[in-house]
């Protein structure tokens, strides 16, 4: 999975998870994903905002695009 502010890419062996929530007229899908990450850092921003950085384990040998 590759998530960015403009969108995301998902590689999956079973497309049924995405097809179940896909609206073919609008080309949008609603689905759930589970992400497991570790809070790596926290920084206090303006107006009592908290900026956070997260680390995710990446399987070794995984092909990455981008």
PDB file of N, CA and C in Angstrom:
ATOM      1  N   UNK A   1       0.838  -1.166   0.000  1.00  0.00           N
ATOM      2  CA  UNK A   1       0.000   0.000   0.000  1.00  0.00           C
ATOM      3  C   UNK A   1       0.889   1.238   0.000  1.00  0.00           C
ATOM      4  N   UNK A   2       0.536   2.226  -0.785  1.00  0.00           N
ATOM      5  CA  UNK A   2       1.250   3.495  -0.868  1.00  0.00           C
ATOM      6  C   UNK A   2       0.209   4.593  -0.721  1.00  0.00           C
ATOM      7  N   UNK A   3       0.250   5.321   0.394  1.00  0.00           N
ATOM      8  CA  UNK A   3      -0.740   6.372   0.665  1.00  0.00           C
ATOM      9  C   UNK A   3      -0.050   7.733   0.604  1.00  0.00           C
ATOM     10  N   UNK A   4      -0.639   8.662  -0.119  1.00  0.00           N
ATOM     11  CA  UNK A   4      -0.119  10.019  -0.217  1.00  0.00           C
ATOM     12  C   UNK A   4      -1.296  10.990  -0.121  1.00  0.00           C
ATOM     13  N   UNK A   5      -1.024  12.288   0.004  1.00  0.00           N
ATOM     14  CA  UNK A   5      -2.134  13.258   0.088  1.00  0.00           C
ATOM     15  C   UNK A   5      -3.049  13.258  -1.129  1.00  0.00           C
ATOM     16  N   UNK A   6      -2.545  12.811  -2.280  1.00  0.00           N
ATOM     17  CA  UNK A   6      -3.359  12.852  -3.493  1.00  0.00           C
ATOM     18  C   UNK A   6      -4.040  11.528  -3.819  1.00  0.00           C
ATOM     19  N   UNK A   7      -3.765  10.483  -3.070  1.00  0.00           N
ATOM     20  CA  UNK A   7      -4.403   9.196  -3.348  1.00  0.00           C
ATOM     21  C   UNK A   7      -3.599   8.050  -2.773  1.00  0.00           C
ATOM     22  N   UNK A   8      -3.911   6.839  -3.222  1.00  0.00           N
ATOM     23  CA  UNK A   8      -3.169   5.679  -2.742  1.00  0.00           C
ATOM     24  C   UNK A   8      -3.196   4.572  -3.776  1.00  0.00           C
ATOM     25  N   UNK A   9      -2.228   3.680  -3.646  1.00  0.00           N
ATOM     26  CA  UNK A   9      -2.149   2.492  -4.482  1.00  0.00           C
ATOM     27  C   UNK A   9      -2.234   1.291  -3.566  1.00  0.00           C
ATOM     28  N   UNK A  10      -3.000   0.281  -3.969  1.00  0.00           N
ATOM     29  CA  UNK A  10      -3.132  -0.932  -3.182  1.00  0.00           C
ATOM     30  C   UNK A  10      -2.836  -2.117  -4.089  1.00  0.00           C
ATOM     31  N   UNK A  11      -1.978  -3.005  -3.622  1.00  0.00           N
ATOM     32  CA  UNK A  11      -1.736  -4.264  -4.325  1.00  0.00           C
ATOM     33  C   UNK A  11      -2.382  -5.367  -3.506  1.00  0.00           C
ATOM     34  N   UNK A  12      -3.278  -6.120  -4.105  1.00  0.00           N
ATOM     35  CA  UNK A  12      -3.949  -7.181  -3.364  1.00  0.00           C
ATOM     36  C   UNK A  12      -4.177  -8.384  -4.276  1.00  0.00           C
ATOM     37  N   UNK A  13      -4.208  -9.552  -3.664  1.00  0.00           N
ATOM     38  CA  UNK A  13      -4.435 -10.782  -4.411  1.00  0.00           C
ATOM     39  C   UNK A  13      -5.923 -11.027  -4.635  1.00  0.00           C
ATOM     40  N   UNK A  14      -6.762 -10.435  -3.793  1.00  0.00           N
ATOM     41  CA  UNK A  14      -8.203 -10.669  -3.859  1.00  0.00           C
ATOM     42  C   UNK A  14      -8.911  -9.336  -4.055  1.00  0.00           C
ATOM     43  N   UNK A  15      -9.410  -9.086  -5.262  1.00  0.00           N
ATOM     44  CA  UNK A  15     -10.046  -7.815  -5.596  1.00  0.00           C
ATOM     45  C   UNK A  15     -11.473  -7.722  -5.054  1.00  0.00           C
ATOM     46  N   UNK A  16     -12.016  -8.833  -4.520  1.00  0.00           N
ATOM     47  CA  UNK A  16     -13.394  -8.843  -4.027  1.00  0.00           C
ATOM     48  C   UNK A  16     -13.632  -7.808  -2.935  1.00  0.00           C
ATOM     49  N   UNK A  17     -12.623  -7.545  -2.087  1.00  0.00           N
ATOM     50  CA  UNK A  17     -12.758  -6.553  -1.027  1.00  0.00           C
ATOM     51  C   UNK A  17     -13.103  -5.182  -1.619  1.00  0.00           C
ATOM     52  N   UNK A  18     -12.477  -4.828  -2.723  1.00  0.00           N
ATOM     53  CA  UNK A  18     -12.723  -3.528  -3.344  1.00  0.00           C
ATOM     54  C   UNK A  18     -13.988  -3.535  -4.191  1.00  0.00           C
ATOM     55  N   UNK A  19     -14.250  -4.638  -4.882  1.00  0.00           N
ATOM     56  CA  UNK A  19     -15.437  -4.713  -5.742  1.00  0.00           C
ATOM     57  C   UNK A  19     -16.730  -4.582  -4.955  1.00  0.00           C
ATOM     58  N   UNK A  20     -16.753  -5.064  -3.727  1.00  0.00           N
ATOM     59  CA  UNK A  20     -17.976  -5.026  -2.928  1.00  0.00           C
ATOM     60  C   UNK A  20     -18.470  -3.599  -2.710  1.00  0.00           C
ATOM     61  N   UNK A  21     -17.559  -2.630  -2.581  1.00  0.00           N
ATOM     62  CA  UNK A  21     -17.968  -1.253  -2.334  1.00  0.00           C
ATOM     63  C   UNK A  21     -17.813  -0.333  -3.526  1.00  0.00           C
ATOM     64  N   UNK A  22     -17.584  -0.889  -4.712  1.00  0.00           N
ATOM     65  CA  UNK A  22     -17.317  -0.095  -5.905  1.00  0.00           C
ATOM     66  C   UNK A  22     -18.608   0.380  -6.552  1.00  0.00           C
ATOM     67  N   UNK A  23     -18.668   1.678  -6.834  1.00  0.00           N
ATOM     68  CA  UNK A  23     -19.770   2.268  -7.590  1.00  0.00           C
ATOM     69  C   UNK A  23     -19.251   2.510  -9.005  1.00  0.00           C
ATOM     70  N   UNK A  24     -19.702   1.712  -9.965  1.00  0.00           N
ATOM     71  CA  UNK A  24     -19.167   1.792 -11.326  1.00  0.00           C
ATOM     72  C   UNK A  24     -19.553   3.093 -12.038  1.00  0.00           C
ATOM     73  N   UNK A  25     -20.565   3.781 -11.559  1.00  0.00           N
ATOM     74  CA  UNK A  25     -20.990   5.033 -12.196  1.00  0.00           C
ATOM     75  C   UNK A  25     -20.098   6.200 -11.803  1.00  0.00           C
ATOM     76  N   UNK A  26     -19.592   6.192 -10.585  1.00  0.00           N
ATOM     77  CA  UNK A  26     -18.740   7.287 -10.121  1.00  0.00           C
ATOM     78  C   UNK A  26     -17.270   6.891 -10.041  1.00  0.00           C
ATOM     79  N   UNK A  27     -16.983   5.592 -10.226  1.00  0.00           N
ATOM     80  CA  UNK A  27     -15.618   5.060 -10.130  1.00  0.00           C
ATOM     81  C   UNK A  27     -15.009   5.321  -8.751  1.00  0.00           C
ATOM     82  N   UNK A  28     -15.830   5.223  -7.713  1.00  0.00           N
ATOM     83  CA  UNK A  28     -15.400   5.381  -6.321  1.00  0.00           C
ATOM     84  C   UNK A  28     -15.737   4.100  -5.570  1.00  0.00           C
ATOM     85  N   UNK A  29     -14.930   3.807  -4.566  1.00  0.00           N
ATOM     86  CA  UNK A  29     -15.162   2.604  -3.768  1.00  0.00           C
ATOM     87  C   UNK A  29     -15.079   2.948  -2.291  1.00  0.00           C
ATOM     88  N   UNK A  30     -15.889   2.280  -1.512  1.00  0.00           N
ATOM     89  CA  UNK A  30     -15.831   2.410  -0.066  1.00  0.00           C
ATOM     90  C   UNK A  30     -15.440   1.051   0.494  1.00  0.00           C
ATOM     91  N   UNK A  31     -14.350   1.029   1.283  1.00  0.00           N
ATOM     92  CA  UNK A  31     -13.857  -0.219   1.849  1.00  0.00           C
ATOM     93  C   UNK A  31     -13.076   0.095   3.117  1.00  0.00           C
ATOM     94  N   UNK A  32     -12.790  -0.929   3.877  1.00  0.00           N
ATOM     95  CA  UNK A  32     -12.039  -0.773   5.125  1.00  0.00           C
ATOM     96  C   UNK A  32     -10.680  -1.435   4.989  1.00  0.00           C
ATOM     97  N   UNK A  33      -9.671  -0.797   5.571  1.00  0.00           N
ATOM     98  CA  UNK A  33      -8.342  -1.392   5.630  1.00  0.00           C
ATOM     99  C   UNK A  33      -7.827  -1.265   7.057  1.00  0.00           C
ATOM    100  N   UNK A  34      -6.977  -2.170   7.453  1.00  0.00           N
ATOM    101  CA  UNK A  34      -6.369  -2.151   8.773  1.00  0.00           C
ATOM    102  C   UNK A  34      -4.894  -1.842   8.602  1.00  0.00           C
ATOM    103  N   UNK A  35      -4.431  -0.771   9.221  1.00  0.00           N
ATOM    104  CA  UNK A  35      -3.024  -0.399   9.204  1.00  0.00           C
ATOM    105  C   UNK A  35      -2.471  -0.555  10.609  1.00  0.00           C
ATOM    106  N   UNK A  36      -1.316  -1.156  10.711  1.00  0.00           N
ATOM    107  CA  UNK A  36      -0.643  -1.272  11.993  1.00  0.00           C
ATOM    108  C   UNK A  36       0.654  -0.489  11.879  1.00  0.00           C
ATOM    109  N   UNK A  37       0.822   0.487  12.738  1.00  0.00           N
ATOM    110  CA  UNK A  37       2.012   1.321  12.692  1.00  0.00           C
ATOM    111  C   UNK A  37       2.484   1.672  14.093  1.00  0.00           C
ATOM    112  N   UNK A  38       3.686   2.234  14.142  1.00  0.00           N
ATOM    113  CA  UNK A  38       4.272   2.656  15.408  1.00  0.00           C
ATOM    114  C   UNK A  38       4.444   4.168  15.378  1.00  0.00           C
ATOM    115  N   UNK A  39       3.978   4.828  16.430  1.00  0.00           N
ATOM    116  CA  UNK A  39       4.147   6.269  16.541  1.00  0.00           C
ATOM    117  C   UNK A  39       5.632   6.561  16.689  1.00  0.00           C
ATOM    118  N   UNK A  40       6.226   7.239  15.712  1.00  0.00           N
ATOM    119  CA  UNK A  40       7.665   7.485  15.695  1.00  0.00           C
ATOM    120  C   UNK A  40       8.033   8.823  16.328  1.00  0.00           C
ATOM    121  N   UNK A  41       7.206   9.844  16.136  1.00  0.00           N
ATOM    122  CA  UNK A  41       7.501  11.146  16.708  1.00  0.00           C
ATOM    123  C   UNK A  41       6.230  11.989  16.799  1.00  0.00           C
ATOM    124  N   UNK A  42       6.261  12.975  17.687  1.00  0.00           N
ATOM    125  CA  UNK A  42       5.161  13.932  17.859  1.00  0.00           C
ATOM    126  C   UNK A  42       5.766  15.318  17.962  1.00  0.00           C
ATOM    127  N   UNK A  43       5.161  16.269  17.278  1.00  0.00           N
ATOM    128  CA  UNK A  43       5.625  17.651  17.323  1.00  0.00           C
ATOM    129  C   UNK A  43       4.416  18.546  17.544  1.00  0.00           C
ATOM    130  N   UNK A  44       4.539  19.481  18.465  1.00  0.00           N
ATOM    131  CA  UNK A  44       3.445  20.413  18.732  1.00  0.00           C
ATOM    132  C   UNK A  44       3.438  21.501  17.668  1.00  0.00           C
ATOM    133  N   UNK A  45       2.277  21.719  17.072  1.00  0.00           N
ATOM    134  CA  UNK A  45       2.137  22.750  16.060  1.00  0.00           C
ATOM    135  C   UNK A  45       1.383  23.946  16.630  1.00  0.00           C
ATOM    136  N   UNK A  46       0.899  24.788  15.730  1.00  0.00           N
ATOM    137  CA  UNK A  46       0.148  25.968  16.143  1.00  0.00           C
ATOM    138  C   UNK A  46      -1.243  25.562  16.619  1.00  0.00           C
ATOM    139  N   UNK A  47      -1.847  26.387  17.455  1.00  0.00           N
ATOM    140  CA  UNK A  47      -3.219  26.184  17.937  1.00  0.00           C
ATOM    141  C   UNK A  47      -3.421  24.816  18.583  1.00  0.00           C
ATOM    142  N   UNK A  48      -2.444  24.389  19.359  1.00  0.00           N
ATOM    143  CA  UNK A  48      -2.514  23.102  20.066  1.00  0.00           C
ATOM    144  C   UNK A  48      -2.709  21.906  19.144  1.00  0.00           C
ATOM    145  N   UNK A  49      -2.200  22.001  17.909  1.00  0.00           N
ATOM    146  CA  UNK A  49      -2.231  20.871  16.994  1.00  0.00           C
ATOM    147  C   UNK A  49      -1.045  19.969  17.285  1.00  0.00           C
ATOM    148  N   UNK A  50      -1.203  18.700  17.014  1.00  0.00           N
ATOM    149  CA  UNK A  50      -0.105  17.761  17.150  1.00  0.00           C
ATOM    150  C   UNK A  50       0.178  17.127  15.796  1.00  0.00           C
ATOM    151  N   UNK A  51       1.403  17.260  15.327  1.00  0.00           N
ATOM    152  CA  UNK A  51       1.841  16.614  14.099  1.00  0.00           C
ATOM    153  C   UNK A  51       2.484  15.292  14.498  1.00  0.00           C
ATOM    154  N   UNK A  52       2.196  14.235  13.769  1.00  0.00           N
ATOM    155  CA  UNK A  52       2.727  12.926  14.132  1.00  0.00           C
ATOM    156  C   UNK A  52       3.395  12.260  12.938  1.00  0.00           C
ATOM    157  N   UNK A  53       4.375  11.449  13.214  1.00  0.00           N
ATOM    158  CA  UNK A  53       5.038  10.626  12.210  1.00  0.00           C
ATOM    159  C   UNK A  53       4.870   9.169  12.598  1.00  0.00           C
ATOM    160  N   UNK A  54       4.556   8.328  11.632  1.00  0.00           N
ATOM    161  CA  UNK A  54       4.282   6.916  11.882  1.00  0.00           C
ATOM    162  C   UNK A  54       5.227   6.060  11.069  1.00  0.00           C
ATOM    163  N   UNK A  55       5.645   4.932  11.641  1.00  0.00           N
ATOM    164  CA  UNK A  55       6.478   3.962  10.940  1.00  0.00           C
ATOM    165  C   UNK A  55       5.658   2.705  10.685  1.00  0.00           C
ATOM    166  N   UNK A  56       5.821   2.146   9.492  1.00  0.00           N
ATOM    167  CA  UNK A  56       5.125   0.927   9.113  1.00  0.00           C
ATOM    168  C   UNK A  56       6.174  -0.090   8.690  1.00  0.00           C
ATOM    169  N   UNK A  57       5.985  -1.323   9.091  1.00  0.00           N
ATOM    170  CA  UNK A  57       6.888  -2.385   8.661  1.00  0.00           C
ATOM    171  C   UNK A  57       6.627  -2.683   7.195  1.00  0.00           C
ATOM    172  N   UNK A  58       7.711  -2.806   6.438  1.00  0.00           N
ATOM    173  CA  UNK A  58       7.610  -3.162   5.031  1.00  0.00           C
ATOM    174  C   UNK A  58       8.257  -4.524   4.857  1.00  0.00           C
ATOM    175  N   UNK A  59       7.554  -5.438   4.235  1.00  0.00           N
ATOM    176  CA  UNK A  59       8.104  -6.772   4.008  1.00  0.00           C
ATOM    177  C   UNK A  59       9.325  -6.666   3.107  1.00  0.00           C
ATOM    178  N   UNK A  60      10.349  -7.432   3.428  1.00  0.00           N
ATOM    179  CA  UNK A  60      11.555  -7.413   2.609  1.00  0.00           C
ATOM    180  C   UNK A  60      11.279  -8.107   1.286  1.00  0.00           C
ATOM    181  N   UNK A  61      11.931  -7.629   0.262  1.00  0.00           N
ATOM    182  CA  UNK A  61      11.750  -8.213  -1.057  1.00  0.00           C
ATOM    183  C   UNK A  61      10.509  -7.730  -1.775  1.00  0.00           C
ATOM    184  N   UNK A  62       9.775  -6.800  -1.198  1.00  0.00           N
ATOM    185  CA  UNK A  62       8.561  -6.294  -1.821  1.00  0.00           C
ATOM    186  C   UNK A  62       8.924  -5.312  -2.931  1.00  0.00           C
ATOM    187  N   UNK A  63       8.306  -5.479  -4.098  1.00  0.00           N
ATOM    188  CA  UNK A  63       8.513  -4.563  -5.198  1.00  0.00           C
ATOM    189  C   UNK A  63       7.802  -3.247  -4.888  1.00  0.00           C
ATOM    190  N   UNK A  64       8.502  -2.138  -5.026  1.00  0.00           N
ATOM    191  CA  UNK A  64       7.907  -0.828  -4.738  1.00  0.00           C
ATOM    192  C   UNK A  64       7.859  -0.008  -6.003  1.00  0.00           C
ATOM    193  N   UNK A  65       6.780   0.734  -6.159  1.00  0.00           N
ATOM    194  CA  UNK A  65       6.598   1.588  -7.327  1.00  0.00           C
ATOM    195  C   UNK A  65       6.516   3.030  -6.837  1.00  0.00           C
ATOM    196  N   UNK A  66       7.237   3.924  -7.501  1.00  0.00           N
ATOM    197  CA  UNK A  66       7.151   5.336  -7.143  1.00  0.00           C
ATOM    198  C   UNK A  66       8.267   5.801  -6.267  1.00  0.00           C
TER     199      UNK A  66
END
